[in-house]
Amino acid sequence: MRVVVDLNRCQGYAQCAFLAPDVFRMHGDEALLYVPQAGAEQRERLAQAVAACPVQAILVDDGEDGQHTLPAGALADGTGGHGGGGW
């Protein structure tokens, strides 16, 4: 699954890092690092992280048709975000 975070929108609330620590982590107080490709085993945790983001900065493409986010909501079209680069 492809993960995209709009780092311009992200405010560093760290809910995603708490809910999906294998995908997201905070570097310092405000910088978010994330893994841009997550395995299917992270599906439930990613859904929780997307739902918990107070500024809706996280999009997840589930890979099935390229147009799904987790949970259902806005479409992930590959635009409007920055690549993570992992850690």
PDB file of N, CA and C in Angstrom:
ATOM      1  N   MET A   1       0.842  -1.172   0.000  1.00  0.00           N
ATOM      2  CA  MET A   1       0.000   0.000   0.000  1.00  0.00           C
ATOM      3  C   MET A   1       0.887   1.234   0.000  1.00  0.00           C
ATOM      4  N   ARG A   2       0.513   2.205  -0.796  1.00  0.00           N
ATOM      5  CA  ARG A   2       1.280   3.445  -0.880  1.00  0.00           C
ATOM      6  C   ARG A   2       0.733   4.463   0.122  1.00  0.00           C
ATOM      7  N   VAL A   3       1.624   5.044   0.895  1.00  0.00           N
ATOM      8  CA  VAL A   3       1.260   6.041   1.897  1.00  0.00           C
ATOM      9  C   VAL A   3       1.781   7.396   1.442  1.00  0.00           C
ATOM     10  N   VAL A   4       0.911   8.410   1.502  1.00  0.00           N
ATOM     11  CA  VAL A   4       1.295   9.774   1.158  1.00  0.00           C
ATOM     12  C   VAL A   4       0.806  10.687   2.271  1.00  0.00           C
ATOM     13  N   VAL A   5       1.708  11.516   2.782  1.00  0.00           N
ATOM     14  CA  VAL A   5       1.338  12.494   3.799  1.00  0.00           C
ATOM     15  C   VAL A   5       1.588  13.880   3.230  1.00  0.00           C
ATOM     16  N   ASP A   6       0.598  14.737   3.311  1.00  0.00           N
ATOM     17  CA  ASP A   6       0.765  16.123   2.909  1.00  0.00           C
ATOM     18  C   ASP A   6       1.483  16.823   4.054  1.00  0.00           C
ATOM     19  N   LEU A   7       2.788  16.966   3.924  1.00  0.00           N
ATOM     20  CA  LEU A   7       3.603  17.531   5.000  1.00  0.00           C
ATOM     21  C   LEU A   7       3.353  19.025   5.195  1.00  0.00           C
ATOM     22  N   ASN A   8       2.739  19.680   4.222  1.00  0.00           N
ATOM     23  CA  ASN A   8       2.335  21.072   4.407  1.00  0.00           C
ATOM     24  C   ASN A   8       1.116  21.176   5.311  1.00  0.00           C
ATOM     25  N   ARG A   9       0.291  20.161   5.277  1.00  0.00           N
ATOM     26  CA  ARG A   9      -0.920  20.132   6.098  1.00  0.00           C
ATOM     27  C   ARG A   9      -0.648  19.559   7.492  1.00  0.00           C
ATOM     28  N   CYS A  10       0.279  18.607   7.584  1.00  0.00           N
ATOM     29  CA  CYS A  10       0.589  17.934   8.853  1.00  0.00           C
ATOM     30  C   CYS A  10       1.000  18.956   9.914  1.00  0.00           C
ATOM     31  N   GLN A  11       0.419  18.826  11.089  1.00  0.00           N
ATOM     32  CA  GLN A  11       0.711  19.738  12.202  1.00  0.00           C
ATOM     33  C   GLN A  11       1.487  19.054  13.330  1.00  0.00           C
ATOM     34  N   GLY A  12       1.884  17.805  13.133  1.00  0.00           N
ATOM     35  CA  GLY A  12       2.696  17.104  14.120  1.00  0.00           C
ATOM     36  C   GLY A  12       1.947  16.646  15.350  1.00  0.00           C
ATOM     37  N   TYR A  13       0.664  16.347  15.226  1.00  0.00           N
ATOM     38  CA  TYR A  13      -0.110  15.857  16.367  1.00  0.00           C
ATOM     39  C   TYR A  13       0.319  14.453  16.795  1.00  0.00           C
ATOM     40  N   ALA A  14       0.943  13.710  15.909  1.00  0.00           N
ATOM     41  CA  ALA A  14       1.544  12.398  16.178  1.00  0.00           C
ATOM     42  C   ALA A  14       0.543  11.283  16.448  1.00  0.00           C
ATOM     43  N   GLN A  15      -0.715  11.476  16.126  1.00  0.00           N
ATOM     44  CA  GLN A  15      -1.681  10.390  16.306  1.00  0.00           C
ATOM     45  C   GLN A  15      -1.312   9.200  15.416  1.00  0.00           C
ATOM     46  N   CYS A  16      -0.839   9.476  14.212  1.00  0.00           N
ATOM     47  CA  CYS A  16      -0.454   8.404  13.298  1.00  0.00           C
ATOM     48  C   CYS A  16       0.713   7.592  13.850  1.00  0.00           C
ATOM     49  N   ALA A  17       1.689   8.273  14.447  1.00  0.00           N
ATOM     50  CA  ALA A  17       2.859   7.588  15.011  1.00  0.00           C
ATOM     51  C   ALA A  17       2.463   6.700  16.189  1.00  0.00           C
ATOM     52  N   PHE A  18       1.479   7.119  16.929  1.00  0.00           N
ATOM     53  CA  PHE A  18       0.980   6.323  18.050  1.00  0.00           C
ATOM     54  C   PHE A  18       0.228   5.088  17.543  1.00  0.00           C
ATOM     55  N   LEU A  19      -0.581   5.255  16.506  1.00  0.00           N
ATOM     56  CA  LEU A  19      -1.435   4.180  16.022  1.00  0.00           C
ATOM     57  C   LEU A  19      -0.750   3.227  15.042  1.00  0.00           C
ATOM     58  N   ALA A  20       0.217   3.713  14.285  1.00  0.00           N
ATOM     59  CA  ALA A  20       0.920   2.876  13.300  1.00  0.00           C
ATOM     60  C   ALA A  20       2.426   3.138  13.387  1.00  0.00           C
ATOM     61  N   PRO A  21       3.050   2.737  14.487  1.00  0.00           N
ATOM     62  CA  PRO A  21       4.469   3.065  14.699  1.00  0.00           C
ATOM     63  C   PRO A  21       5.433   2.397  13.722  1.00  0.00           C
ATOM     64  N   ASP A  22       4.994   1.356  13.022  1.00  0.00           N
ATOM     65  CA  ASP A  22       5.858   0.735  12.018  1.00  0.00           C
ATOM     66  C   ASP A  22       5.873   1.518  10.713  1.00  0.00           C
ATOM     67  N   VAL A  23       4.959   2.477  10.571  1.00  0.00           N
ATOM     68  CA  VAL A  23       4.861   3.277   9.349  1.00  0.00           C
ATOM     69  C   VAL A  23       5.243   4.734   9.596  1.00  0.00           C
ATOM     70  N   PHE A  24       4.833   5.272  10.750  1.00  0.00           N
ATOM     71  CA  PHE A  24       5.062   6.682  11.065  1.00  0.00           C
ATOM     72  C   PHE A  24       5.890   6.835  12.331  1.00  0.00           C
ATOM     73  N   ARG A  25       6.712   7.870  12.373  1.00  0.00           N
ATOM     74  CA  ARG A  25       7.375   8.246  13.620  1.00  0.00           C
ATOM     75  C   ARG A  25       7.723   9.723  13.565  1.00  0.00           C
ATOM     76  N   MET A  26       7.809  10.291  14.743  1.00  0.00           N
ATOM     77  CA  MET A  26       8.148  11.709  14.859  1.00  0.00           C
ATOM     78  C   MET A  26       9.661  11.838  15.014  1.00  0.00           C
ATOM     79  N   HIS A  27      10.203  12.840  14.371  1.00  0.00           N
ATOM     80  CA  HIS A  27      11.610  13.189  14.500  1.00  0.00           C
ATOM     81  C   HIS A  27      11.621  14.575  15.141  1.00  0.00           C
ATOM     82  N   GLY A  28      11.909  14.611  16.421  1.00  0.00           N
ATOM     83  CA  GLY A  28      11.782  15.863  17.153  1.00  0.00           C
ATOM     84  C   GLY A  28      10.322  16.091  17.498  1.00  0.00           C
ATOM     85  N   ASP A  29       9.963  17.332  17.735  1.00  0.00           N
ATOM     86  CA  ASP A  29       8.596  17.653  18.136  1.00  0.00           C
ATOM     87  C   ASP A  29       7.623  17.814  16.974  1.00  0.00           C
ATOM     88  N   GLU A  30       8.118  18.111  15.781  1.00  0.00           N
ATOM     89  CA  GLU A  30       7.190  18.450  14.702  1.00  0.00           C
ATOM     90  C   GLU A  30       7.429  17.728  13.383  1.00  0.00           C
ATOM     91  N   ALA A  31       8.589  17.144  13.158  1.00  0.00           N
ATOM     92  CA  ALA A  31       8.892  16.534  11.864  1.00  0.00           C
ATOM     93  C   ALA A  31       8.409  15.082  11.825  1.00  0.00           C
ATOM     94  N   LEU A  32       7.577  14.770  10.843  1.00  0.00           N
ATOM     95  CA  LEU A  32       7.057  13.424  10.669  1.00  0.00           C
ATOM     96  C   LEU A  32       7.885  12.687   9.626  1.00  0.00           C
ATOM     97  N   LEU A  33       8.290  11.480   9.960  1.00  0.00           N
ATOM     98  CA  LEU A  33       8.924  10.566   9.015  1.00  0.00           C
ATOM     99  C   LEU A  33       7.958   9.420   8.799  1.00  0.00           C
ATOM    100  N   TYR A  34       7.925   8.884   7.569  1.00  0.00           N
ATOM    101  CA  TYR A  34       7.040   7.754   7.316  1.00  0.00           C
ATOM    102  C   TYR A  34       7.595   6.889   6.197  1.00  0.00           C
ATOM    103  N   VAL A  35       7.132   5.659   6.172  1.00  0.00           N
ATOM    104  CA  VAL A  35       7.506   4.699   5.146  1.00  0.00           C
ATOM    105  C   VAL A  35       6.481   4.813   4.019  1.00  0.00           C
ATOM    106  N   PRO A  36       6.909   5.155   2.792  1.00  0.00           N
ATOM    107  CA  PRO A  36       5.944   5.385   1.715  1.00  0.00           C
ATOM    108  C   PRO A  36       5.283   4.115   1.161  1.00  0.00           C
ATOM    109  N   GLN A  37       5.855   2.951   1.433  1.00  0.00           N
ATOM    110  CA  GLN A  37       5.255   1.688   0.998  1.00  0.00           C
ATOM    111  C   GLN A  37       5.065   0.811   2.238  1.00  0.00           C
ATOM    112  N   ALA A  38       3.824   0.509   2.568  1.00  0.00           N
ATOM    113  CA  ALA A  38       3.525  -0.312   3.738  1.00  0.00           C
ATOM    114  C   ALA A  38       2.907  -1.620   3.284  1.00  0.00           C
ATOM    115  N   GLY A  39       3.174  -2.663   4.040  1.00  0.00           N
ATOM    116  CA  GLY A  39       2.622  -3.977   3.726  1.00  0.00           C
ATOM    117  C   GLY A  39       1.152  -4.091   4.105  1.00  0.00           C
ATOM    118  N   ALA A  40       0.497  -5.073   3.542  1.00  0.00           N
ATOM    119  CA  ALA A  40      -0.928  -5.295   3.799  1.00  0.00           C
ATOM    120  C   ALA A  40      -1.207  -5.567   5.271  1.00  0.00           C
ATOM    121  N   GLU A  41      -0.222  -6.071   5.992  1.00  0.00           N
ATOM    122  CA  GLU A  41      -0.415  -6.340   7.422  1.00  0.00           C
ATOM    123  C   GLU A  41      -0.615  -5.058   8.222  1.00  0.00           C
ATOM    124  N   GLN A  42      -0.300  -3.917   7.621  1.00  0.00           N
ATOM    125  CA  GLN A  42      -0.479  -2.618   8.281  1.00  0.00           C
ATOM    126  C   GLN A  42      -1.839  -1.996   7.976  1.00  0.00           C
ATOM    127  N   ARG A  43      -2.671  -2.663   7.222  1.00  0.00           N
ATOM    128  CA  ARG A  43      -3.947  -2.104   6.751  1.00  0.00           C
ATOM    129  C   ARG A  43      -4.807  -1.537   7.880  1.00  0.00           C
ATOM    130  N   GLU A  44      -5.055  -2.314   8.921  1.00  0.00           N
ATOM    131  CA  GLU A  44      -5.927  -1.860  10.011  1.00  0.00           C
ATOM    132  C   GLU A  44      -5.321  -0.678  10.758  1.00  0.00           C
ATOM    133  N   ARG A  45      -4.013  -0.744  11.032  1.00  0.00           N
ATOM    134  CA  ARG A  45      -3.355   0.359  11.740  1.00  0.00           C
ATOM    135  C   ARG A  45      -3.346   1.631  10.898  1.00  0.00           C
ATOM    136  N   LEU A  46      -3.143   1.489   9.598  1.00  0.00           N
ATOM    137  CA  LEU A  46      -3.181   2.657   8.713  1.00  0.00           C
ATOM    138  C   LEU A  46      -4.579   3.269   8.665  1.00  0.00           C
ATOM    139  N   ALA A  47      -5.596   2.425   8.630  1.00  0.00           N
ATOM    140  CA  ALA A  47      -6.968   2.931   8.636  1.00  0.00           C
ATOM    141  C   ALA A  47      -7.233   3.740   9.898  1.00  0.00           C
ATOM    142  N   GLN A  48      -6.743   3.252  11.033  1.00  0.00           N
ATOM    143  CA  GLN A  48      -6.905   3.979  12.290  1.00  0.00           C
ATOM    144  C   GLN A  48      -6.144   5.299  12.263  1.00  0.00           C
ATOM    145  N   ALA A  49      -4.926   5.286  11.707  1.00  0.00           N
ATOM    146  CA  ALA A  49      -4.118   6.506  11.636  1.00  0.00           C
ATOM    147  C   ALA A  49      -4.766   7.555  10.738  1.00  0.00           C
ATOM    148  N   VAL A  50      -5.277   7.116   9.587  1.00  0.00           N
ATOM    149  CA  VAL A  50      -5.954   8.046   8.669  1.00  0.00           C
ATOM    150  C   VAL A  50      -7.160   8.666   9.362  1.00  0.00           C
ATOM    151  N   ALA A  51      -7.955   7.841  10.030  1.00  0.00           N
ATOM    152  CA  ALA A  51      -9.159   8.333  10.700  1.00  0.00           C
ATOM    153  C   ALA A  51      -8.823   9.274  11.854  1.00  0.00           C
ATOM    154  N   ALA A  52      -7.687   9.051  12.517  1.00  0.00           N
ATOM    155  CA  ALA A  52      -7.320   9.847  13.696  1.00  0.00           C
ATOM    156  C   ALA A  52      -6.627  11.160  13.358  1.00  0.00           C
ATOM    157  N   CYS A  53      -6.146  11.323  12.137  1.00  0.00           N
ATOM    158  CA  CYS A  53      -5.420  12.542  11.781  1.00  0.00           C
ATOM    159  C   CYS A  53      -6.358  13.743  11.840  1.00  0.00           C
ATOM    160  N   PRO A  54      -6.111  14.689  12.755  1.00  0.00           N
ATOM    161  CA  PRO A  54      -7.021  15.821  12.909  1.00  0.00           C
ATOM    162  C   PRO A  54      -7.064  16.765  11.714  1.00  0.00           C
ATOM    163  N   VAL A  55      -6.035  16.746  10.869  1.00  0.00           N
ATOM    164  CA  VAL A  55      -6.004  17.648   9.712  1.00  0.00           C
ATOM    165  C   VAL A  55      -6.139  16.891   8.389  1.00  0.00           C
ATOM    166  N   GLN A  56      -6.431  15.606   8.452  1.00  0.00           N
ATOM    167  CA  GLN A  56      -6.637  14.755   7.279  1.00  0.00           C
ATOM    168  C   GLN A  56      -5.494  14.864   6.285  1.00  0.00           C
ATOM    169  N   ALA A  57      -4.270  14.701   6.781  1.00  0.00           N
ATOM    170  CA  ALA A  57      -3.081  14.848   5.941  1.00  0.00           C
ATOM    171  C   ALA A  57      -2.591  13.534   5.339  1.00  0.00           C
ATOM    172  N   ILE A  58      -3.205  12.406   5.702  1.00  0.00           N
ATOM    173  CA  ILE A  58      -2.707  11.100   5.270  1.00  0.00           C
ATOM    174  C   ILE A  58      -3.630  10.485   4.235  1.00  0.00           C
ATOM    175  N   LEU A  59      -3.044  10.029   3.128  1.00  0.00           N
ATOM    176  CA  LEU A  59      -3.754   9.270   2.113  1.00  0.00           C
ATOM    177  C   LEU A  59      -3.071   7.924   1.977  1.00  0.00           C
ATOM    178  N   VAL A  60      -3.864   6.871   1.775  1.00  0.00           N
ATOM    179  CA  VAL A  60      -3.327   5.536   1.577  1.00  0.00           C
ATOM    180  C   VAL A  60      -3.987   4.935   0.341  1.00  0.00           C
ATOM    181  N   ASP A  61      -3.162   4.549  -0.624  1.00  0.00           N
ATOM    182  CA  ASP A  61      -3.624   3.859  -1.823  1.00  0.00           C
ATOM    183  C   ASP A  61      -3.507   2.377  -1.524  1.00  0.00           C
ATOM    184  N   ASP A  62      -4.635   1.679  -1.509  1.00  0.00           N
ATOM    185  CA  ASP A  62      -4.610   0.266  -1.135  1.00  0.00           C
ATOM    186  C   ASP A  62      -4.080  -0.638  -2.234  1.00  0.00           C
ATOM    187  N   GLY A  63      -3.805  -0.084  -3.406  1.00  0.00           N
ATOM    188  CA  GLY A  63      -3.206  -0.857  -4.481  1.00  0.00           C
ATOM    189  C   GLY A  63      -4.178  -1.651  -5.320  1.00  0.00           C
ATOM    190  N   GLU A  64      -5.447  -1.715  -4.921  1.00  0.00           N
ATOM    191  CA  GLU A  64      -6.395  -2.517  -5.680  1.00  0.00           C
ATOM    192  C   GLU A  64      -6.808  -1.849  -6.977  1.00  0.00           C
ATOM    193  N   ASP A  65      -7.190  -0.578  -6.923  1.00  0.00           N
ATOM    194  CA  ASP A  65      -7.517   0.121  -8.162  1.00  0.00           C
ATOM    195  C   ASP A  65      -6.904   1.516  -8.209  1.00  0.00           C
ATOM    196  N   GLY A  66      -6.085   1.853  -7.206  1.00  0.00           N
ATOM    197  CA  GLY A  66      -5.399   3.125  -7.197  1.00  0.00           C
ATOM    198  C   GLY A  66      -6.259   4.299  -6.792  1.00  0.00           C
ATOM    199  N   GLN A  67      -7.470   4.058  -6.353  1.00  0.00           N
ATOM    200  CA  GLN A  67      -8.361   5.159  -6.031  1.00  0.00           C
ATOM    201  C   GLN A  67      -8.984   5.036  -4.638  1.00  0.00           C
ATOM    202  N   HIS A  68      -8.382   4.315  -3.742  1.00  0.00           N
ATOM    203  CA  HIS A  68      -8.948   4.148  -2.410  1.00  0.00           C
ATOM    204  C   HIS A  68      -8.075   4.820  -1.356  1.00  0.00           C
ATOM    205  N   THR A  69      -8.715   5.374  -0.384  1.00  0.00           N
ATOM    206  CA  THR A  69      -8.017   5.800   0.818  1.00  0.00           C
ATOM    207  C   THR A  69      -8.563   4.957   1.956  1.00  0.00           C
ATOM    208  N   LEU A  70      -7.870   4.939   3.042  1.00  0.00           N
ATOM    209  CA  LEU A  70      -8.338   4.217   4.222  1.00  0.00           C
ATOM    210  C   LEU A  70      -8.573   5.215   5.321  1.00  0.00           C
ATOM    211  N   PRO A  71      -9.695   5.301   5.918  1.00  0.00           N
ATOM    212  CA  PRO A  71     -10.941   4.657   5.519  1.00  0.00           C
ATOM    213  C   PRO A  71     -11.546   5.356   4.319  1.00  0.00           C
ATOM    214  N   ALA A  72     -12.702   4.873   3.868  1.00  0.00           N
ATOM    215  CA  ALA A  72     -13.348   5.461   2.698  1.00  0.00           C
ATOM    216  C   ALA A  72     -13.553   6.957   2.914  1.00  0.00           C
ATOM    217  N   GLY A  73     -13.226   7.734   1.915  1.00  0.00           N
ATOM    218  CA  GLY A  73     -13.334   9.184   2.015  1.00  0.00           C
ATOM    219  C   GLY A  73     -12.814   9.796   0.744  1.00  0.00           C
ATOM    220  N   ALA A  74     -11.946  10.776   0.867  1.00  0.00           N
ATOM    221  CA  ALA A  74     -11.372  11.451  -0.297  1.00  0.00           C
ATOM    222  C   ALA A  74     -10.544  10.462  -1.107  1.00  0.00           C
ATOM    223  N   LEU A  75     -10.458  10.673  -2.404  1.00  0.00           N
ATOM    224  CA  LEU A  75      -9.720   9.771  -3.271  1.00  0.00           C
ATOM    225  C   LEU A  75      -8.231  10.071  -3.248  1.00  0.00           C
ATOM    226  N   ALA A  76      -7.426   9.025  -3.283  1.00  0.00           N
ATOM    227  CA  ALA A  76      -5.968   9.172  -3.375  1.00  0.00           C
ATOM    228  C   ALA A  76      -5.603   9.168  -4.853  1.00  0.00           C
ATOM    229  N   ASP A  77      -5.313  10.332  -5.401  1.00  0.00           N
ATOM    230  CA  ASP A  77      -4.993  10.404  -6.816  1.00  0.00           C
ATOM    231  C   ASP A  77      -3.501  10.602  -7.064  1.00  0.00           C
ATOM    232  N   GLY A  78      -2.708  10.548  -5.980  1.00  0.00           N
ATOM    233  CA  GLY A  78      -1.276  10.686  -6.145  1.00  0.00           C
ATOM    234  C   GLY A  78      -0.792  12.122  -6.159  1.00  0.00           C
ATOM    235  N   THR A  79      -1.686  13.080  -5.959  1.00  0.00           N
ATOM    236  CA  THR A  79      -1.281  14.467  -5.968  1.00  0.00           C
ATOM    237  C   THR A  79      -1.426  15.066  -4.579  1.00  0.00           C
ATOM    238  N   GLY A  80      -0.820  16.192  -4.361  1.00  0.00           N
ATOM    239  CA  GLY A  80      -1.049  16.922  -3.132  1.00  0.00           C
ATOM    240  C   GLY A  80      -0.273  16.445  -1.934  1.00  0.00           C
ATOM    241  N   GLY A  81       0.718  15.607  -2.125  1.00  0.00           N
ATOM    242  CA  GLY A  81       1.485  15.129  -0.992  1.00  0.00           C
ATOM    243  C   GLY A  81       2.954  15.133  -1.283  1.00  0.00           C
ATOM    244  N   HIS A  82       3.722  14.754  -0.312  1.00  0.00           N
ATOM    245  CA  HIS A  82       5.172  14.658  -0.443  1.00  0.00           C
ATOM    246  C   HIS A  82       5.570  13.237  -0.107  1.00  0.00           C
ATOM    247  N   GLY A  83       6.551  12.713  -0.821  1.00  0.00           N
ATOM    248  CA  GLY A  83       7.043  11.385  -0.519  1.00  0.00           C
ATOM    249  C   GLY A  83       7.695  11.351   0.838  1.00  0.00           C
ATOM    250  N   GLY A  84       7.629  10.221   1.479  1.00  0.00           N
ATOM    251  CA  GLY A  84       8.159  10.114   2.833  1.00  0.00           C
ATOM    252  C   GLY A  84       9.643   9.857   2.859  1.00  0.00           C
ATOM    253  N   GLY A  85      10.090   8.841   2.152  1.00  0.00           N
ATOM    254  CA  GLY A  85      11.504   8.528   2.178  1.00  0.00           C
ATOM    255  C   GLY A  85      11.907   7.587   3.293  1.00  0.00           C
ATOM    256  N   GLY A  86      11.008   7.293   4.198  1.00  0.00           N
ATOM    257  CA  GLY A  86      11.303   6.347   5.261  1.00  0.00           C
ATOM    258  C   GLY A  86      12.315   6.863   6.266  1.00  0.00           C
ATOM    259  N   TRP A  87      12.853   5.961   7.014  1.00  0.00           N
ATOM    260  CA  TRP A  87      13.882   6.330   7.972  1.00  0.00           C
ATOM    261  C   TRP A  87      14.961   5.352   7.899  1.00  0.00           C
TER     262      TRP A  87
END
